[in-house]
Amino acid sequence: QVQLVESGGGLVQPGGSLRLSCAASESIFSMYIMGWYRQVPGKQRELVATIVSSGRTNYADSVKGRFIISRDFDGKTVYLQMNSLKPEDTAVYYCNARRNNIDYWGQGTQVTVSS
């Protein structure tokens, strides 16, 4: 079983930065793809960023140029560096991993952007 644990969320002012971490119980390279999603009450969960084993990344248009997804060299941690944060970025952020057509999700970490 793959376990994912997110951390790094918190309260920041608009324009500030946060770095989220996703610690995986197994090697990230054993996954087809890993990514970050976010969800706010009353709305559907949306894709934020993804990264595959080759290192290729993909970003939602809403965060492109502001967020960066990366992975640790130990192969067990994925990060989401969030810069120039906006109030619209406020959400619960979830780490996702997909392997053998099975999705694994973390518990989520709250990010609140407010003055």
C-alpha atoms as a PDB file:
ATOM      1  CA  GLN A   1       0.000   0.000   0.000  1.00  0.00           C
ATOM      2  CA  VAL A   2       1.227   3.438  -0.915  1.00  0.00           C
ATOM      3  CA  GLN A   3       0.896   6.090   1.723  1.00  0.00           C
ATOM      4  CA  LEU A   4       1.221   9.792   1.055  1.00  0.00           C
ATOM      5  CA  VAL A   5       1.588  12.492   3.661  1.00  0.00           C
ATOM      6  CA  GLU A   6       1.370  16.176   2.804  1.00  0.00           C
ATOM      7  CA  SER A   7       2.829  18.950   4.883  1.00  0.00           C
ATOM      8  CA  GLY A   8       3.809  22.586   4.624  1.00  0.00           C
ATOM      9  CA  GLY A   9       0.428  24.250   4.401  1.00  0.00           C
ATOM     10  CA  GLY A  10      -0.486  27.309   6.384  1.00  0.00           C
ATOM     11  CA  LEU A  11      -1.586  30.919   6.319  1.00  0.00           C
ATOM     12  CA  VAL A  12       0.286  33.344   4.100  1.00  0.00           C
ATOM     13  CA  GLN A  13      -0.289  36.838   2.785  1.00  0.00           C
ATOM     14  CA  PRO A  14      -0.973  37.509  -0.888  1.00  0.00           C
ATOM     15  CA  GLY A  15       2.290  37.559  -2.775  1.00  0.00           C
ATOM     16  CA  GLY A  16       3.923  35.221  -0.311  1.00  0.00           C
ATOM     17  CA  SER A  17       5.356  31.764  -0.810  1.00  0.00           C
ATOM     18  CA  LEU A  18       4.937  28.283   0.592  1.00  0.00           C
ATOM     19  CA  ARG A  19       6.514  24.949  -0.159  1.00  0.00           C
ATOM     20  CA  LEU A  20       4.391  21.859   0.196  1.00  0.00           C
ATOM     21  CA  SER A  21       5.910  18.433   0.669  1.00  0.00           C
ATOM     22  CA  CYS A  22       4.513  15.013  -0.104  1.00  0.00           C
ATOM     23  CA  ALA A  23       6.306  12.120   1.546  1.00  0.00           C
ATOM     24  CA  ALA A  24       5.663   8.761  -0.080  1.00  0.00           C
ATOM     25  CA  SER A  25       6.066   5.374   1.544  1.00  0.00           C
ATOM     26  CA  GLU A  26       7.499   3.946  -1.672  1.00  0.00           C
ATOM     27  CA  SER A  27       9.712   5.180  -4.457  1.00  0.00           C
ATOM     28  CA  ILE A  28       8.153   7.884  -6.579  1.00  0.00           C
ATOM     29  CA  PHE A  29       9.803   6.300  -9.595  1.00  0.00           C
ATOM     30  CA  SER A  30       7.548   3.276  -9.217  1.00  0.00           C
ATOM     31  CA  MET A  31       4.584   5.524  -9.941  1.00  0.00           C
ATOM     32  CA  TYR A  32       3.328   6.338 -13.408  1.00  0.00           C
ATOM     33  CA  ILE A  33       2.683   9.886 -12.371  1.00  0.00           C
ATOM     34  CA  MET A  34       2.518  12.052  -9.282  1.00  0.00           C
ATOM     35  CA  GLY A  35       0.846  15.347  -8.819  1.00  0.00           C
ATOM     36  CA  TRP A  36      -0.782  17.981  -6.726  1.00  0.00           C
ATOM     37  CA  TYR A  37      -4.474  18.744  -6.754  1.00  0.00           C
ATOM     38  CA  ARG A  38      -6.517  21.247  -4.819  1.00  0.00           C
ATOM     39  CA  GLN A  39     -10.111  21.569  -3.760  1.00  0.00           C
ATOM     40  CA  VAL A  40     -12.280  24.234  -2.176  1.00  0.00           C
ATOM     41  CA  PRO A  41     -15.730  23.716  -0.641  1.00  0.00           C
ATOM     42  CA  GLY A  42     -18.442  23.533  -3.260  1.00  0.00           C
ATOM     43  CA  LYS A  43     -16.050  23.027  -6.143  1.00  0.00           C
ATOM     44  CA  GLN A  44     -14.524  20.065  -7.904  1.00  0.00           C
ATOM     45  CA  ARG A  45     -10.993  18.994  -7.227  1.00  0.00           C
ATOM     46  CA  GLU A  46      -8.672  20.470  -9.812  1.00  0.00           C
ATOM     47  CA  LEU A  47      -5.263  19.598 -11.136  1.00  0.00           C
ATOM     48  CA  VAL A  48      -2.439  21.877 -10.085  1.00  0.00           C
ATOM     49  CA  ALA A  49       0.702  20.161 -11.339  1.00  0.00           C
ATOM     50  CA  THR A  50       2.050  16.744 -12.295  1.00  0.00           C
ATOM     51  CA  ILE A  51       5.428  15.137 -12.729  1.00  0.00           C
ATOM     52  CA  VAL A  52       6.346  11.817 -14.341  1.00  0.00           C
ATOM     53  CA  SER A  53       9.390   9.608 -13.871  1.00  0.00           C
ATOM     54  CA  SER A  54      11.210  11.274 -16.746  1.00  0.00           C
ATOM     55  CA  GLY A  55      10.932  14.559 -14.895  1.00  0.00           C
ATOM     56  CA  ARG A  56       8.508  16.086 -17.337  1.00  0.00           C
ATOM     57  CA  THR A  57       6.050  18.425 -15.672  1.00  0.00           C
ATOM     58  CA  ASN A  58       2.644  19.827 -16.429  1.00  0.00           C
ATOM     59  CA  TYR A  59       0.824  22.752 -14.842  1.00  0.00           C
ATOM     60  CA  ALA A  60      -2.633  24.176 -14.721  1.00  0.00           C
ATOM     61  CA  ASP A  61      -2.844  27.496 -16.519  1.00  0.00           C
ATOM     62  CA  SER A  62      -3.877  29.185 -13.301  1.00  0.00           C
ATOM     63  CA  VAL A  63      -0.564  28.397 -11.608  1.00  0.00           C
ATOM     64  CA  LYS A  64       1.827  28.330 -14.547  1.00  0.00           C
ATOM     65  CA  GLY A  65       4.773  30.603 -13.936  1.00  0.00           C
ATOM     66  CA  ARG A  66       4.109  30.752 -10.206  1.00  0.00           C
ATOM     67  CA  PHE A  67       4.249  27.152  -8.981  1.00  0.00           C
ATOM     68  CA  ILE A  68       6.973  24.558  -9.461  1.00  0.00           C
ATOM     69  CA  ILE A  69       6.644  20.833  -8.884  1.00  0.00           C
ATOM     70  CA  SER A  70       9.804  18.879  -8.159  1.00  0.00           C
ATOM     71  CA  ARG A  71      11.065  15.731  -6.488  1.00  0.00           C
ATOM     72  CA  ASP A  72      13.761  14.896  -4.014  1.00  0.00           C
ATOM     73  CA  PHE A  73      16.755  12.867  -5.103  1.00  0.00           C
ATOM     74  CA  ASP A  74      15.857  10.195  -2.565  1.00  0.00           C
ATOM     75  CA  GLY A  75      12.859   9.423  -4.735  1.00  0.00           C
ATOM     76  CA  LYS A  76      10.353   9.584  -1.918  1.00  0.00           C
ATOM     77  CA  THR A  77       9.345  13.214  -1.719  1.00  0.00           C
ATOM     78  CA  VAL A  78       7.528  15.490  -4.126  1.00  0.00           C
ATOM     79  CA  TYR A  79       7.390  19.229  -3.584  1.00  0.00           C
ATOM     80  CA  LEU A  80       5.207  22.049  -4.720  1.00  0.00           C
ATOM     81  CA  GLN A  81       6.873  25.432  -4.491  1.00  0.00           C
ATOM     82  CA  MET A  82       4.175  28.079  -4.556  1.00  0.00           C
ATOM     83  CA  ASN A  83       5.171  31.657  -5.256  1.00  0.00           C
ATOM     84  CA  SER A  84       3.225  34.864  -5.757  1.00  0.00           C
ATOM     85  CA  LEU A  85       0.293  33.347  -3.950  1.00  0.00           C
ATOM     86  CA  LYS A  86      -3.161  34.748  -4.538  1.00  0.00           C
ATOM     87  CA  PRO A  87      -6.347  34.478  -2.473  1.00  0.00           C
ATOM     88  CA  GLU A  88      -7.706  32.270  -5.259  1.00  0.00           C
ATOM     89  CA  ASP A  89      -5.041  29.705  -4.367  1.00  0.00           C
ATOM     90  CA  THR A  90      -6.726  29.073  -1.033  1.00  0.00           C
ATOM     91  CA  ALA A  91      -7.683  25.405  -0.922  1.00  0.00           C
ATOM     92  CA  VAL A  92      -6.883  22.032   0.522  1.00  0.00           C
ATOM     93  CA  TYR A  93      -3.966  20.651  -1.439  1.00  0.00           C
ATOM     94  CA  TYR A  94      -3.729  16.921  -2.036  1.00  0.00           C
ATOM     95  CA  CYS A  95      -0.832  14.796  -3.173  1.00  0.00           C
ATOM     96  CA  ASN A  96      -1.674  12.112  -5.711  1.00  0.00           C
ATOM     97  CA  ALA A  97       0.160   9.068  -6.987  1.00  0.00           C
ATOM     98  CA  ARG A  98      -0.957   6.667  -9.677  1.00  0.00           C
ATOM     99  CA  ARG A  99       0.357   3.134 -10.111  1.00  0.00           C
ATOM    100  CA  ASN A 100      -1.193   0.215 -11.943  1.00  0.00           C
ATOM    101  CA  ASN A 101      -4.250   2.358 -12.588  1.00  0.00           C
ATOM    102  CA  ILE A 102      -4.810   2.881  -8.893  1.00  0.00           C
ATOM    103  CA  ASP A 103      -4.853   6.340  -7.373  1.00  0.00           C
ATOM    104  CA  TYR A 104      -3.472   7.069  -3.963  1.00  0.00           C
ATOM    105  CA  TRP A 105      -4.205  10.242  -2.064  1.00  0.00           C
ATOM    106  CA  GLY A 106      -2.796  11.989   0.946  1.00  0.00           C
ATOM    107  CA  GLN A 107      -4.886  13.511   3.701  1.00  0.00           C
ATOM    108  CA  GLY A 108      -4.493  17.019   2.348  1.00  0.00           C
ATOM    109  CA  THR A 109      -2.954  20.180   3.729  1.00  0.00           C
ATOM    110  CA  GLN A 110      -4.718  23.514   4.052  1.00  0.00           C
ATOM    111  CA  VAL A 111      -3.325  26.558   2.292  1.00  0.00           C
ATOM    112  CA  THR A 112      -4.921  29.889   3.099  1.00  0.00           C
ATOM    113  CA  VAL A 113      -3.884  33.081   1.346  1.00  0.00           C
ATOM    114  CA  SER A 114      -5.255  36.136   3.089  1.00  0.00           C
ATOM    115  CA  SER A 115      -4.210  39.534   4.382  1.00  0.00           C
END
